[in-house]
Amino acid sequence: MDMTEILSQAERLIGDVERPEHFTNHTHCCECQEHDETLLNYTPQTITRAALGGMGWDPITFATDIGFRYYLPGLVRIVLTETGDDSYYEQFLWHMLGDGEHYKRREICSVEERLLVARVLDHLLNNFSQEMDEECLSDDLLAAIEKWALMSEKDSVRNP
């Protein structure tokens, strides 16, 4: 599947998740409130690389699971189209690796969302492996592929 097809698949998923009233536990602290305000100002179609900050200040890290699912098509668009020095590779992989074997965000995703992520990761491996090596992200990419592809294969078997 080429990038255009992956982006089309991501675009079709927009609207599958209703926009939440809030994207973070906005009353928890000022950082959660600030990240919530950032995410409230965008949609999956309009979120920008700049709005997603860096590893130390990424509003998606603080997003609820529903907020993550809502923005997933936008994250896919950004990781595939905004390459180069300010790529989203590291942050995207961080979000896809999650918190171990029972990664809740992966588990709450629909079959279509899981397959989309597996396709994105495969595309990164096949088209951006040099960049992954240069940024020391190859191991993370392979771990994410294993996690999401395994889940996607199970879903495909259960839901032909």
N, C-alpha and C. Protein backbone atom coordinates (compact mmCIF):
# COMPACT_ATOMS: atom_id res chain seq x y z
N MET A 1 0.86 -1.18 0.00
CA MET A 1 0.00 0.00 0.00
C MET A 1 0.90 1.24 0.00
N ASP A 2 0.67 2.15 -0.94
CA ASP A 2 1.51 3.34 -1.00
C ASP A 2 0.96 4.43 -0.08
N MET A 3 1.74 5.50 0.04
CA MET A 3 1.39 6.56 0.97
C MET A 3 0.04 7.19 0.66
N THR A 4 -0.27 7.38 -0.60
CA THR A 4 -1.56 7.97 -0.98
C THR A 4 -2.72 7.12 -0.49
N GLU A 5 -2.59 5.81 -0.64
CA GLU A 5 -3.64 4.90 -0.18
C GLU A 5 -3.77 4.91 1.34
N ILE A 6 -2.64 4.98 2.03
CA ILE A 6 -2.66 5.02 3.50
C ILE A 6 -3.33 6.32 3.96
N LEU A 7 -2.97 7.43 3.33
CA LEU A 7 -3.57 8.71 3.70
C LEU A 7 -5.07 8.73 3.41
N SER A 8 -5.48 8.10 2.32
CA SER A 8 -6.91 8.00 2.01
C SER A 8 -7.63 7.16 3.07
N GLN A 9 -7.00 6.08 3.48
CA GLN A 9 -7.59 5.25 4.53
C GLN A 9 -7.73 6.05 5.83
N ALA A 10 -6.69 6.82 6.18
CA ALA A 10 -6.74 7.65 7.38
C ALA A 10 -7.87 8.67 7.28
N GLU A 11 -7.99 9.30 6.13
CA GLU A 11 -9.04 10.31 5.91
C GLU A 11 -10.43 9.71 6.08
N ARG A 12 -10.60 8.47 5.60
CA ARG A 12 -11.90 7.80 5.74
C ARG A 12 -12.25 7.52 7.20
N LEU A 13 -11.24 7.38 8.06
CA LEU A 13 -11.48 7.09 9.47
C LEU A 13 -11.90 8.34 10.27
N ILE A 14 -11.65 9.52 9.72
CA ILE A 14 -12.04 10.74 10.41
C ILE A 14 -13.56 10.74 10.54
N GLY A 15 -14.02 10.98 11.71
CA GLY A 15 -15.45 10.98 11.97
C GLY A 15 -15.92 9.69 12.62
N ASP A 16 -15.08 8.64 12.60
CA ASP A 16 -15.45 7.40 13.27
C ASP A 16 -15.48 7.58 14.79
N VAL A 17 -14.69 8.53 15.27
CA VAL A 17 -14.64 8.82 16.70
C VAL A 17 -15.20 10.22 16.91
N GLU A 18 -16.21 10.31 17.74
CA GLU A 18 -16.82 11.61 18.02
C GLU A 18 -15.83 12.51 18.75
N ARG A 19 -15.83 13.77 18.38
CA ARG A 19 -14.93 14.73 19.02
C ARG A 19 -15.30 14.86 20.50
N PRO A 20 -14.34 14.59 21.38
CA PRO A 20 -14.66 14.70 22.81
C PRO A 20 -14.76 16.16 23.25
N GLU A 21 -15.44 16.37 24.34
CA GLU A 21 -15.55 17.72 24.89
C GLU A 21 -14.18 18.21 25.37
N HIS A 22 -13.40 17.30 25.92
CA HIS A 22 -12.02 17.59 26.35
C HIS A 22 -11.13 16.45 25.93
N PHE A 23 -9.86 16.76 25.71
CA PHE A 23 -8.91 15.77 25.22
C PHE A 23 -7.97 15.25 26.31
N THR A 24 -7.91 15.94 27.42
CA THR A 24 -7.05 15.53 28.53
C THR A 24 -7.85 15.62 29.82
N ASN A 25 -7.22 15.21 30.90
CA ASN A 25 -7.79 15.44 32.23
C ASN A 25 -7.48 16.90 32.57
N HIS A 26 -8.19 17.79 31.91
CA HIS A 26 -7.86 19.22 31.90
C HIS A 26 -7.88 19.90 33.26
N THR A 27 -8.53 19.30 34.26
CA THR A 27 -8.57 19.90 35.59
C THR A 27 -7.44 19.39 36.48
N HIS A 28 -6.63 18.47 35.97
CA HIS A 28 -5.57 17.86 36.77
C HIS A 28 -4.47 18.85 37.13
N CYS A 29 -3.97 19.56 36.14
CA CYS A 29 -2.87 20.50 36.37
C CYS A 29 -2.82 21.50 35.21
N CYS A 30 -1.97 22.51 35.34
CA CYS A 30 -1.89 23.52 34.29
C CYS A 30 -1.34 22.95 32.99
N GLU A 31 -0.46 21.95 33.06
CA GLU A 31 0.08 21.34 31.85
C GLU A 31 -1.02 20.58 31.10
N CYS A 32 -1.82 19.82 31.84
CA CYS A 32 -2.95 19.11 31.20
C CYS A 32 -3.93 20.10 30.58
N GLN A 33 -4.17 21.20 31.28
CA GLN A 33 -5.08 22.22 30.77
C GLN A 33 -4.52 22.84 29.49
N GLU A 34 -3.23 23.13 29.47
CA GLU A 34 -2.62 23.73 28.28
C GLU A 34 -2.67 22.78 27.09
N HIS A 35 -2.37 21.51 27.32
CA HIS A 35 -2.44 20.53 26.23
C HIS A 35 -3.88 20.36 25.74
N ASP A 36 -4.83 20.39 26.65
CA ASP A 36 -6.23 20.30 26.27
C ASP A 36 -6.62 21.48 25.38
N GLU A 37 -6.20 22.68 25.78
CA GLU A 37 -6.50 23.87 24.98
C GLU A 37 -5.89 23.76 23.59
N THR A 38 -4.68 23.24 23.51
CA THR A 38 -4.04 23.06 22.21
C THR A 38 -4.88 22.16 21.33
N LEU A 39 -5.24 20.99 21.86
CA LEU A 39 -6.00 20.02 21.07
C LEU A 39 -7.41 20.51 20.74
N LEU A 40 -7.99 21.33 21.61
CA LEU A 40 -9.31 21.89 21.32
C LEU A 40 -9.29 22.84 20.13
N ASN A 41 -8.13 23.38 19.82
CA ASN A 41 -7.99 24.35 18.73
C ASN A 41 -7.82 23.71 17.35
N TYR A 42 -7.77 22.38 17.29
CA TYR A 42 -7.51 21.70 16.02
C TYR A 42 -8.50 20.56 15.79
N THR A 43 -8.40 19.99 14.61
CA THR A 43 -9.11 18.77 14.24
C THR A 43 -8.06 17.83 13.65
N PRO A 44 -8.41 16.58 13.36
CA PRO A 44 -7.42 15.71 12.70
C PRO A 44 -6.94 16.28 11.35
N GLN A 45 -7.80 17.04 10.68
CA GLN A 45 -7.42 17.62 9.39
C GLN A 45 -6.52 18.84 9.54
N THR A 46 -6.60 19.53 10.68
CA THR A 46 -5.87 20.79 10.82
C THR A 46 -4.69 20.75 11.79
N ILE A 47 -4.56 19.69 12.58
CA ILE A 47 -3.46 19.63 13.54
C ILE A 47 -2.13 19.74 12.78
N THR A 48 -1.21 20.48 13.34
CA THR A 48 0.08 20.72 12.68
C THR A 48 1.21 20.07 13.45
N ARG A 49 2.32 19.90 12.77
CA ARG A 49 3.51 19.36 13.42
C ARG A 49 3.93 20.28 14.57
N ALA A 50 3.86 21.58 14.35
CA ALA A 50 4.25 22.54 15.38
C ALA A 50 3.37 22.41 16.63
N ALA A 51 2.09 22.15 16.45
CA ALA A 51 1.17 22.02 17.58
C ALA A 51 1.51 20.80 18.44
N LEU A 52 2.17 19.81 17.84
CA LEU A 52 2.49 18.59 18.56
C LEU A 52 3.80 18.69 19.34
N GLY A 53 4.47 19.82 19.24
CA GLY A 53 5.66 20.06 20.05
C GLY A 53 6.75 19.03 19.85
N GLY A 54 7.47 18.77 20.94
CA GLY A 54 8.57 17.81 20.91
C GLY A 54 8.34 16.71 21.93
N MET A 55 9.33 15.84 22.08
CA MET A 55 9.19 14.71 22.99
C MET A 55 8.84 15.15 24.41
N GLY A 56 9.34 16.28 24.83
CA GLY A 56 9.08 16.74 26.19
C GLY A 56 7.80 17.55 26.34
N TRP A 57 7.14 17.83 25.24
CA TRP A 57 5.94 18.68 25.29
C TRP A 57 5.00 18.34 24.14
N ASP A 58 4.43 17.14 24.21
CA ASP A 58 3.55 16.63 23.16
C ASP A 58 2.16 16.43 23.74
N PRO A 59 1.18 17.19 23.29
CA PRO A 59 -0.16 17.07 23.87
C PRO A 59 -0.79 15.68 23.71
N ILE A 60 -0.37 14.91 22.71
CA ILE A 60 -0.93 13.58 22.52
C ILE A 60 -0.55 12.66 23.68
N THR A 61 0.60 12.90 24.28
CA THR A 61 1.01 12.10 25.44
C THR A 61 -0.01 12.24 26.56
N PHE A 62 -0.62 13.38 26.69
CA PHE A 62 -1.58 13.64 27.76
C PHE A 62 -3.03 13.37 27.36
N ALA A 63 -3.23 13.06 26.10
CA ALA A 63 -4.59 12.86 25.59
C ALA A 63 -5.22 11.60 26.18
N THR A 64 -6.51 11.65 26.37
CA THR A 64 -7.26 10.46 26.77
C THR A 64 -7.21 9.45 25.62
N ASP A 65 -7.63 8.24 25.89
CA ASP A 65 -7.64 7.24 24.83
C ASP A 65 -8.55 7.65 23.68
N ILE A 66 -9.70 8.23 24.00
CA ILE A 66 -10.61 8.69 22.95
C ILE A 66 -9.98 9.86 22.20
N GLY A 67 -9.30 10.74 22.91
CA GLY A 67 -8.61 11.84 22.25
C GLY A 67 -7.53 11.34 21.29
N PHE A 68 -6.81 10.31 21.71
CA PHE A 68 -5.81 9.70 20.85
C PHE A 68 -6.45 9.14 19.59
N ARG A 69 -7.53 8.39 19.75
CA ARG A 69 -8.21 7.81 18.59
C ARG A 69 -8.74 8.90 17.67
N TYR A 70 -9.28 9.96 18.25
CA TYR A 70 -9.81 11.07 17.45
C TYR A 70 -8.71 11.66 16.57
N TYR A 71 -7.52 11.84 17.15
CA TYR A 71 -6.44 12.47 16.41
C TYR A 71 -5.58 11.51 15.59
N LEU A 72 -5.78 10.20 15.70
CA LEU A 72 -4.94 9.24 15.00
C LEU A 72 -4.83 9.52 13.50
N PRO A 73 -5.90 9.80 12.77
CA PRO A 73 -5.72 10.11 11.34
C PRO A 73 -4.81 11.31 11.09
N GLY A 74 -4.88 12.31 11.95
CA GLY A 74 -4.00 13.47 11.81
C GLY A 74 -2.55 13.12 12.10
N LEU A 75 -2.32 12.27 13.08
CA LEU A 75 -0.96 11.84 13.40
C LEU A 75 -0.35 11.06 12.23
N VAL A 76 -1.17 10.23 11.63
CA VAL A 76 -0.73 9.47 10.45
C VAL A 76 -0.33 10.44 9.33
N ARG A 77 -1.17 11.41 9.07
CA ARG A 77 -0.86 12.40 8.02
C ARG A 77 0.48 13.08 8.30
N ILE A 78 0.67 13.49 9.53
CA ILE A 78 1.90 14.22 9.88
C ILE A 78 3.13 13.34 9.77
N VAL A 79 3.08 12.12 10.30
CA VAL A 79 4.27 11.27 10.27
C VAL A 79 4.65 10.89 8.84
N LEU A 80 3.67 10.80 7.96
CA LEU A 80 3.98 10.41 6.58
C LEU A 80 4.36 11.58 5.68
N THR A 81 3.89 12.76 5.98
CA THR A 81 4.10 13.88 5.06
C THR A 81 5.10 14.92 5.55
N GLU A 82 5.31 15.00 6.83
CA GLU A 82 6.24 16.02 7.35
C GLU A 82 7.52 15.34 7.79
N THR A 83 8.38 15.10 6.81
CA THR A 83 9.63 14.39 7.03
C THR A 83 10.77 15.40 7.08
N GLY A 84 11.95 14.91 7.29
CA GLY A 84 13.11 15.80 7.32
C GLY A 84 13.55 16.07 8.75
N ASP A 85 14.18 17.23 8.93
CA ASP A 85 14.76 17.56 10.23
C ASP A 85 13.75 17.64 11.36
N ASP A 86 12.53 18.02 11.07
CA ASP A 86 11.52 18.16 12.13
C ASP A 86 10.44 17.08 11.98
N SER A 87 10.88 15.87 11.69
CA SER A 87 9.91 14.79 11.49
C SER A 87 9.20 14.44 12.79
N TYR A 88 8.12 13.70 12.66
CA TYR A 88 7.33 13.24 13.81
C TYR A 88 7.63 11.77 14.13
N TYR A 89 8.66 11.21 13.54
CA TYR A 89 8.95 9.79 13.69
C TYR A 89 9.06 9.36 15.15
N GLU A 90 9.92 10.02 15.90
CA GLU A 90 10.19 9.59 17.28
C GLU A 90 8.93 9.66 18.14
N GLN A 91 8.22 10.76 18.05
CA GLN A 91 7.00 10.90 18.86
C GLN A 91 5.94 9.89 18.43
N PHE A 92 5.79 9.70 17.13
CA PHE A 92 4.80 8.74 16.64
C PHE A 92 5.11 7.35 17.17
N LEU A 93 6.37 6.93 17.07
CA LEU A 93 6.75 5.61 17.57
C LEU A 93 6.55 5.51 19.07
N TRP A 94 6.85 6.56 19.79
CA TRP A 94 6.61 6.59 21.24
C TRP A 94 5.14 6.30 21.53
N HIS A 95 4.27 6.95 20.81
CA HIS A 95 2.83 6.74 21.01
C HIS A 95 2.40 5.34 20.58
N MET A 96 3.03 4.78 19.58
CA MET A 96 2.65 3.45 19.11
C MET A 96 3.21 2.34 20.00
N LEU A 97 4.30 2.61 20.69
CA LEU A 97 4.88 1.60 21.59
C LEU A 97 4.15 1.55 22.92
N GLY A 98 3.73 2.68 23.40
CA GLY A 98 2.92 2.71 24.62
C GLY A 98 3.58 2.13 25.84
N ASP A 99 2.77 1.47 26.63
CA ASP A 99 3.21 1.04 27.96
C ASP A 99 3.36 -0.46 28.11
N GLY A 100 3.81 -1.12 27.08
CA GLY A 100 4.08 -2.54 27.22
C GLY A 100 3.14 -3.42 26.44
N GLU A 101 3.12 -4.70 26.81
CA GLU A 101 2.39 -5.72 26.07
C GLU A 101 0.90 -5.44 25.98
N HIS A 102 0.32 -4.95 27.04
CA HIS A 102 -1.13 -4.71 27.06
C HIS A 102 -1.42 -3.22 26.86
N TYR A 103 -0.93 -2.71 25.77
CA TYR A 103 -1.04 -1.29 25.45
C TYR A 103 -2.51 -0.93 25.25
N LYS A 104 -3.05 -0.14 26.18
CA LYS A 104 -4.48 0.17 26.17
C LYS A 104 -4.91 0.92 24.90
N ARG A 105 -4.10 1.84 24.44
CA ARG A 105 -4.51 2.61 23.25
C ARG A 105 -4.64 1.70 22.04
N ARG A 106 -3.77 0.75 21.91
CA ARG A 106 -3.88 -0.19 20.80
C ARG A 106 -5.14 -1.03 20.97
N GLU A 107 -5.40 -1.45 22.19
CA GLU A 107 -6.53 -2.33 22.45
C GLU A 107 -7.88 -1.66 22.24
N ILE A 108 -7.95 -0.35 22.43
CA ILE A 108 -9.24 0.34 22.25
C ILE A 108 -9.48 0.76 20.80
N CYS A 109 -8.45 0.67 19.98
CA CYS A 109 -8.60 1.04 18.56
C CYS A 109 -9.48 0.02 17.84
N SER A 110 -10.20 0.51 16.85
CA SER A 110 -10.99 -0.37 16.01
C SER A 110 -10.05 -1.22 15.14
N VAL A 111 -10.58 -2.25 14.55
CA VAL A 111 -9.79 -3.09 13.65
C VAL A 111 -9.21 -2.24 12.53
N GLU A 112 -10.01 -1.35 11.97
CA GLU A 112 -9.54 -0.50 10.88
C GLU A 112 -8.40 0.40 11.33
N GLU A 113 -8.50 0.94 12.54
CA GLU A 113 -7.43 1.80 13.06
C GLU A 113 -6.15 0.99 13.28
N ARG A 114 -6.29 -0.21 13.81
CA ARG A 114 -5.11 -1.06 14.04
C ARG A 114 -4.43 -1.42 12.73
N LEU A 115 -5.22 -1.75 11.73
CA LEU A 115 -4.65 -2.07 10.42
C LEU A 115 -3.97 -0.85 9.80
N LEU A 116 -4.57 0.32 9.99
CA LEU A 116 -3.97 1.55 9.50
C LEU A 116 -2.59 1.76 10.13
N VAL A 117 -2.50 1.63 11.44
CA VAL A 117 -1.21 1.82 12.11
C VAL A 117 -0.20 0.80 11.61
N ALA A 118 -0.60 -0.45 11.47
CA ALA A 118 0.32 -1.48 10.96
C ALA A 118 0.82 -1.10 9.57
N ARG A 119 -0.05 -0.57 8.73
CA ARG A 119 0.35 -0.17 7.37
C ARG A 119 1.30 1.03 7.40
N VAL A 120 1.03 1.97 8.30
CA VAL A 120 1.91 3.14 8.43
C VAL A 120 3.31 2.69 8.86
N LEU A 121 3.37 1.83 9.86
CA LEU A 121 4.66 1.36 10.35
C LEU A 121 5.41 0.60 9.27
N ASP A 122 4.71 -0.23 8.51
CA ASP A 122 5.32 -0.95 7.41
C ASP A 122 5.83 0.02 6.34
N HIS A 123 5.06 1.06 6.07
CA HIS A 123 5.48 2.08 5.10
C HIS A 123 6.74 2.78 5.58
N LEU A 124 6.80 3.11 6.86
CA LEU A 124 8.00 3.75 7.40
C LEU A 124 9.22 2.84 7.24
N LEU A 125 9.04 1.56 7.51
CA LEU A 125 10.14 0.60 7.37
C LEU A 125 10.62 0.52 5.92
N ASN A 126 9.68 0.45 5.00
CA ASN A 126 10.03 0.27 3.59
C ASN A 126 10.49 1.53 2.88
N ASN A 127 10.15 2.69 3.42
CA ASN A 127 10.46 3.94 2.71
C ASN A 127 11.33 4.92 3.48
N PHE A 128 11.47 4.72 4.77
CA PHE A 128 12.24 5.67 5.58
C PHE A 128 13.23 4.96 6.50
N SER A 129 13.69 3.79 6.10
CA SER A 129 14.60 3.02 6.97
C SER A 129 15.91 3.76 7.21
N GLN A 130 16.40 4.48 6.21
CA GLN A 130 17.64 5.23 6.40
C GLN A 130 17.45 6.31 7.46
N GLU A 131 16.33 7.04 7.38
CA GLU A 131 16.04 8.06 8.38
C GLU A 131 15.90 7.45 9.77
N MET A 132 15.26 6.29 9.85
CA MET A 132 15.10 5.61 11.13
C MET A 132 16.46 5.24 11.71
N ASP A 133 17.36 4.73 10.85
CA ASP A 133 18.71 4.40 11.30
C ASP A 133 19.46 5.64 11.77
N GLU A 134 19.36 6.72 11.00
CA GLU A 134 20.06 7.95 11.35
C GLU A 134 19.58 8.53 12.68
N GLU A 135 18.30 8.34 12.99
CA GLU A 135 17.75 8.86 14.24
C GLU A 135 17.73 7.81 15.35
N CYS A 136 18.39 6.67 15.10
CA CYS A 136 18.47 5.57 16.08
C CYS A 136 17.08 5.09 16.50
N LEU A 137 16.17 4.99 15.53
CA LEU A 137 14.78 4.60 15.80
C LEU A 137 14.42 3.23 15.22
N SER A 138 15.38 2.57 14.59
CA SER A 138 15.06 1.30 13.93
C SER A 138 14.53 0.25 14.90
N ASP A 139 15.14 0.14 16.07
CA ASP A 139 14.66 -0.85 17.06
C ASP A 139 13.25 -0.53 17.51
N ASP A 140 12.98 0.76 17.73
CA ASP A 140 11.62 1.15 18.14
C ASP A 140 10.62 0.86 17.02
N LEU A 141 11.01 1.13 15.79
CA LEU A 141 10.12 0.87 14.66
C LEU A 141 9.81 -0.63 14.57
N LEU A 142 10.83 -1.47 14.68
CA LEU A 142 10.61 -2.91 14.60
C LEU A 142 9.74 -3.41 15.76
N ALA A 143 9.95 -2.85 16.95
CA ALA A 143 9.12 -3.24 18.10
C ALA A 143 7.67 -2.82 17.88
N ALA A 144 7.46 -1.64 17.35
CA ALA A 144 6.09 -1.16 17.08
C ALA A 144 5.43 -2.01 16.00
N ILE A 145 6.19 -2.35 14.97
CA ILE A 145 5.64 -3.21 13.91
C ILE A 145 5.20 -4.54 14.49
N GLU A 146 6.04 -5.12 15.32
CA GLU A 146 5.69 -6.41 15.93
C GLU A 146 4.41 -6.29 16.76
N LYS A 147 4.31 -5.24 17.53
CA LYS A 147 3.15 -5.04 18.40
C LYS A 147 1.87 -4.84 17.60
N TRP A 148 1.89 -3.94 16.65
CA TRP A 148 0.69 -3.60 15.91
C TRP A 148 0.35 -4.64 14.84
N ALA A 149 1.36 -5.22 14.19
CA ALA A 149 1.09 -6.24 13.17
C ALA A 149 0.51 -7.49 13.82
N LEU A 150 1.03 -7.89 14.97
CA LEU A 150 0.51 -9.06 15.67
C LEU A 150 -0.95 -8.85 16.02
N MET A 151 -1.26 -7.70 16.55
CA MET A 151 -2.65 -7.40 16.92
C MET A 151 -3.51 -7.37 15.66
N SER A 152 -3.01 -6.77 14.60
CA SER A 152 -3.78 -6.66 13.36
C SER A 152 -4.04 -8.03 12.74
N GLU A 153 -3.04 -8.92 12.79
CA GLU A 153 -3.23 -10.27 12.26
C GLU A 153 -4.32 -11.00 13.03
N LYS A 154 -4.32 -10.86 14.35
CA LYS A 154 -5.36 -11.50 15.17
C LYS A 154 -6.73 -10.95 14.80
N ASP A 155 -6.81 -9.63 14.61
CA ASP A 155 -8.07 -9.01 14.24
C ASP A 155 -8.55 -9.50 12.88
N SER A 156 -7.61 -9.62 11.93
CA SER A 156 -7.98 -10.05 10.59
C SER A 156 -8.53 -11.47 10.61
N VAL A 157 -7.93 -12.31 11.44
CA VAL A 157 -8.39 -13.69 11.54
C VAL A 157 -9.79 -13.75 12.15
N ARG A 158 -10.03 -12.92 13.16
CA ARG A 158 -11.33 -12.90 13.83
C ARG A 158 -12.38 -12.20 12.99
N ASN A 159 -11.95 -11.24 12.18
CA ASN A 159 -12.90 -10.43 11.41
C ASN A 159 -12.52 -10.44 9.94
N PRO A 160 -12.74 -11.54 9.25
CA PRO A 160 -12.29 -11.62 7.84
C PRO A 160 -13.01 -10.62 6.95
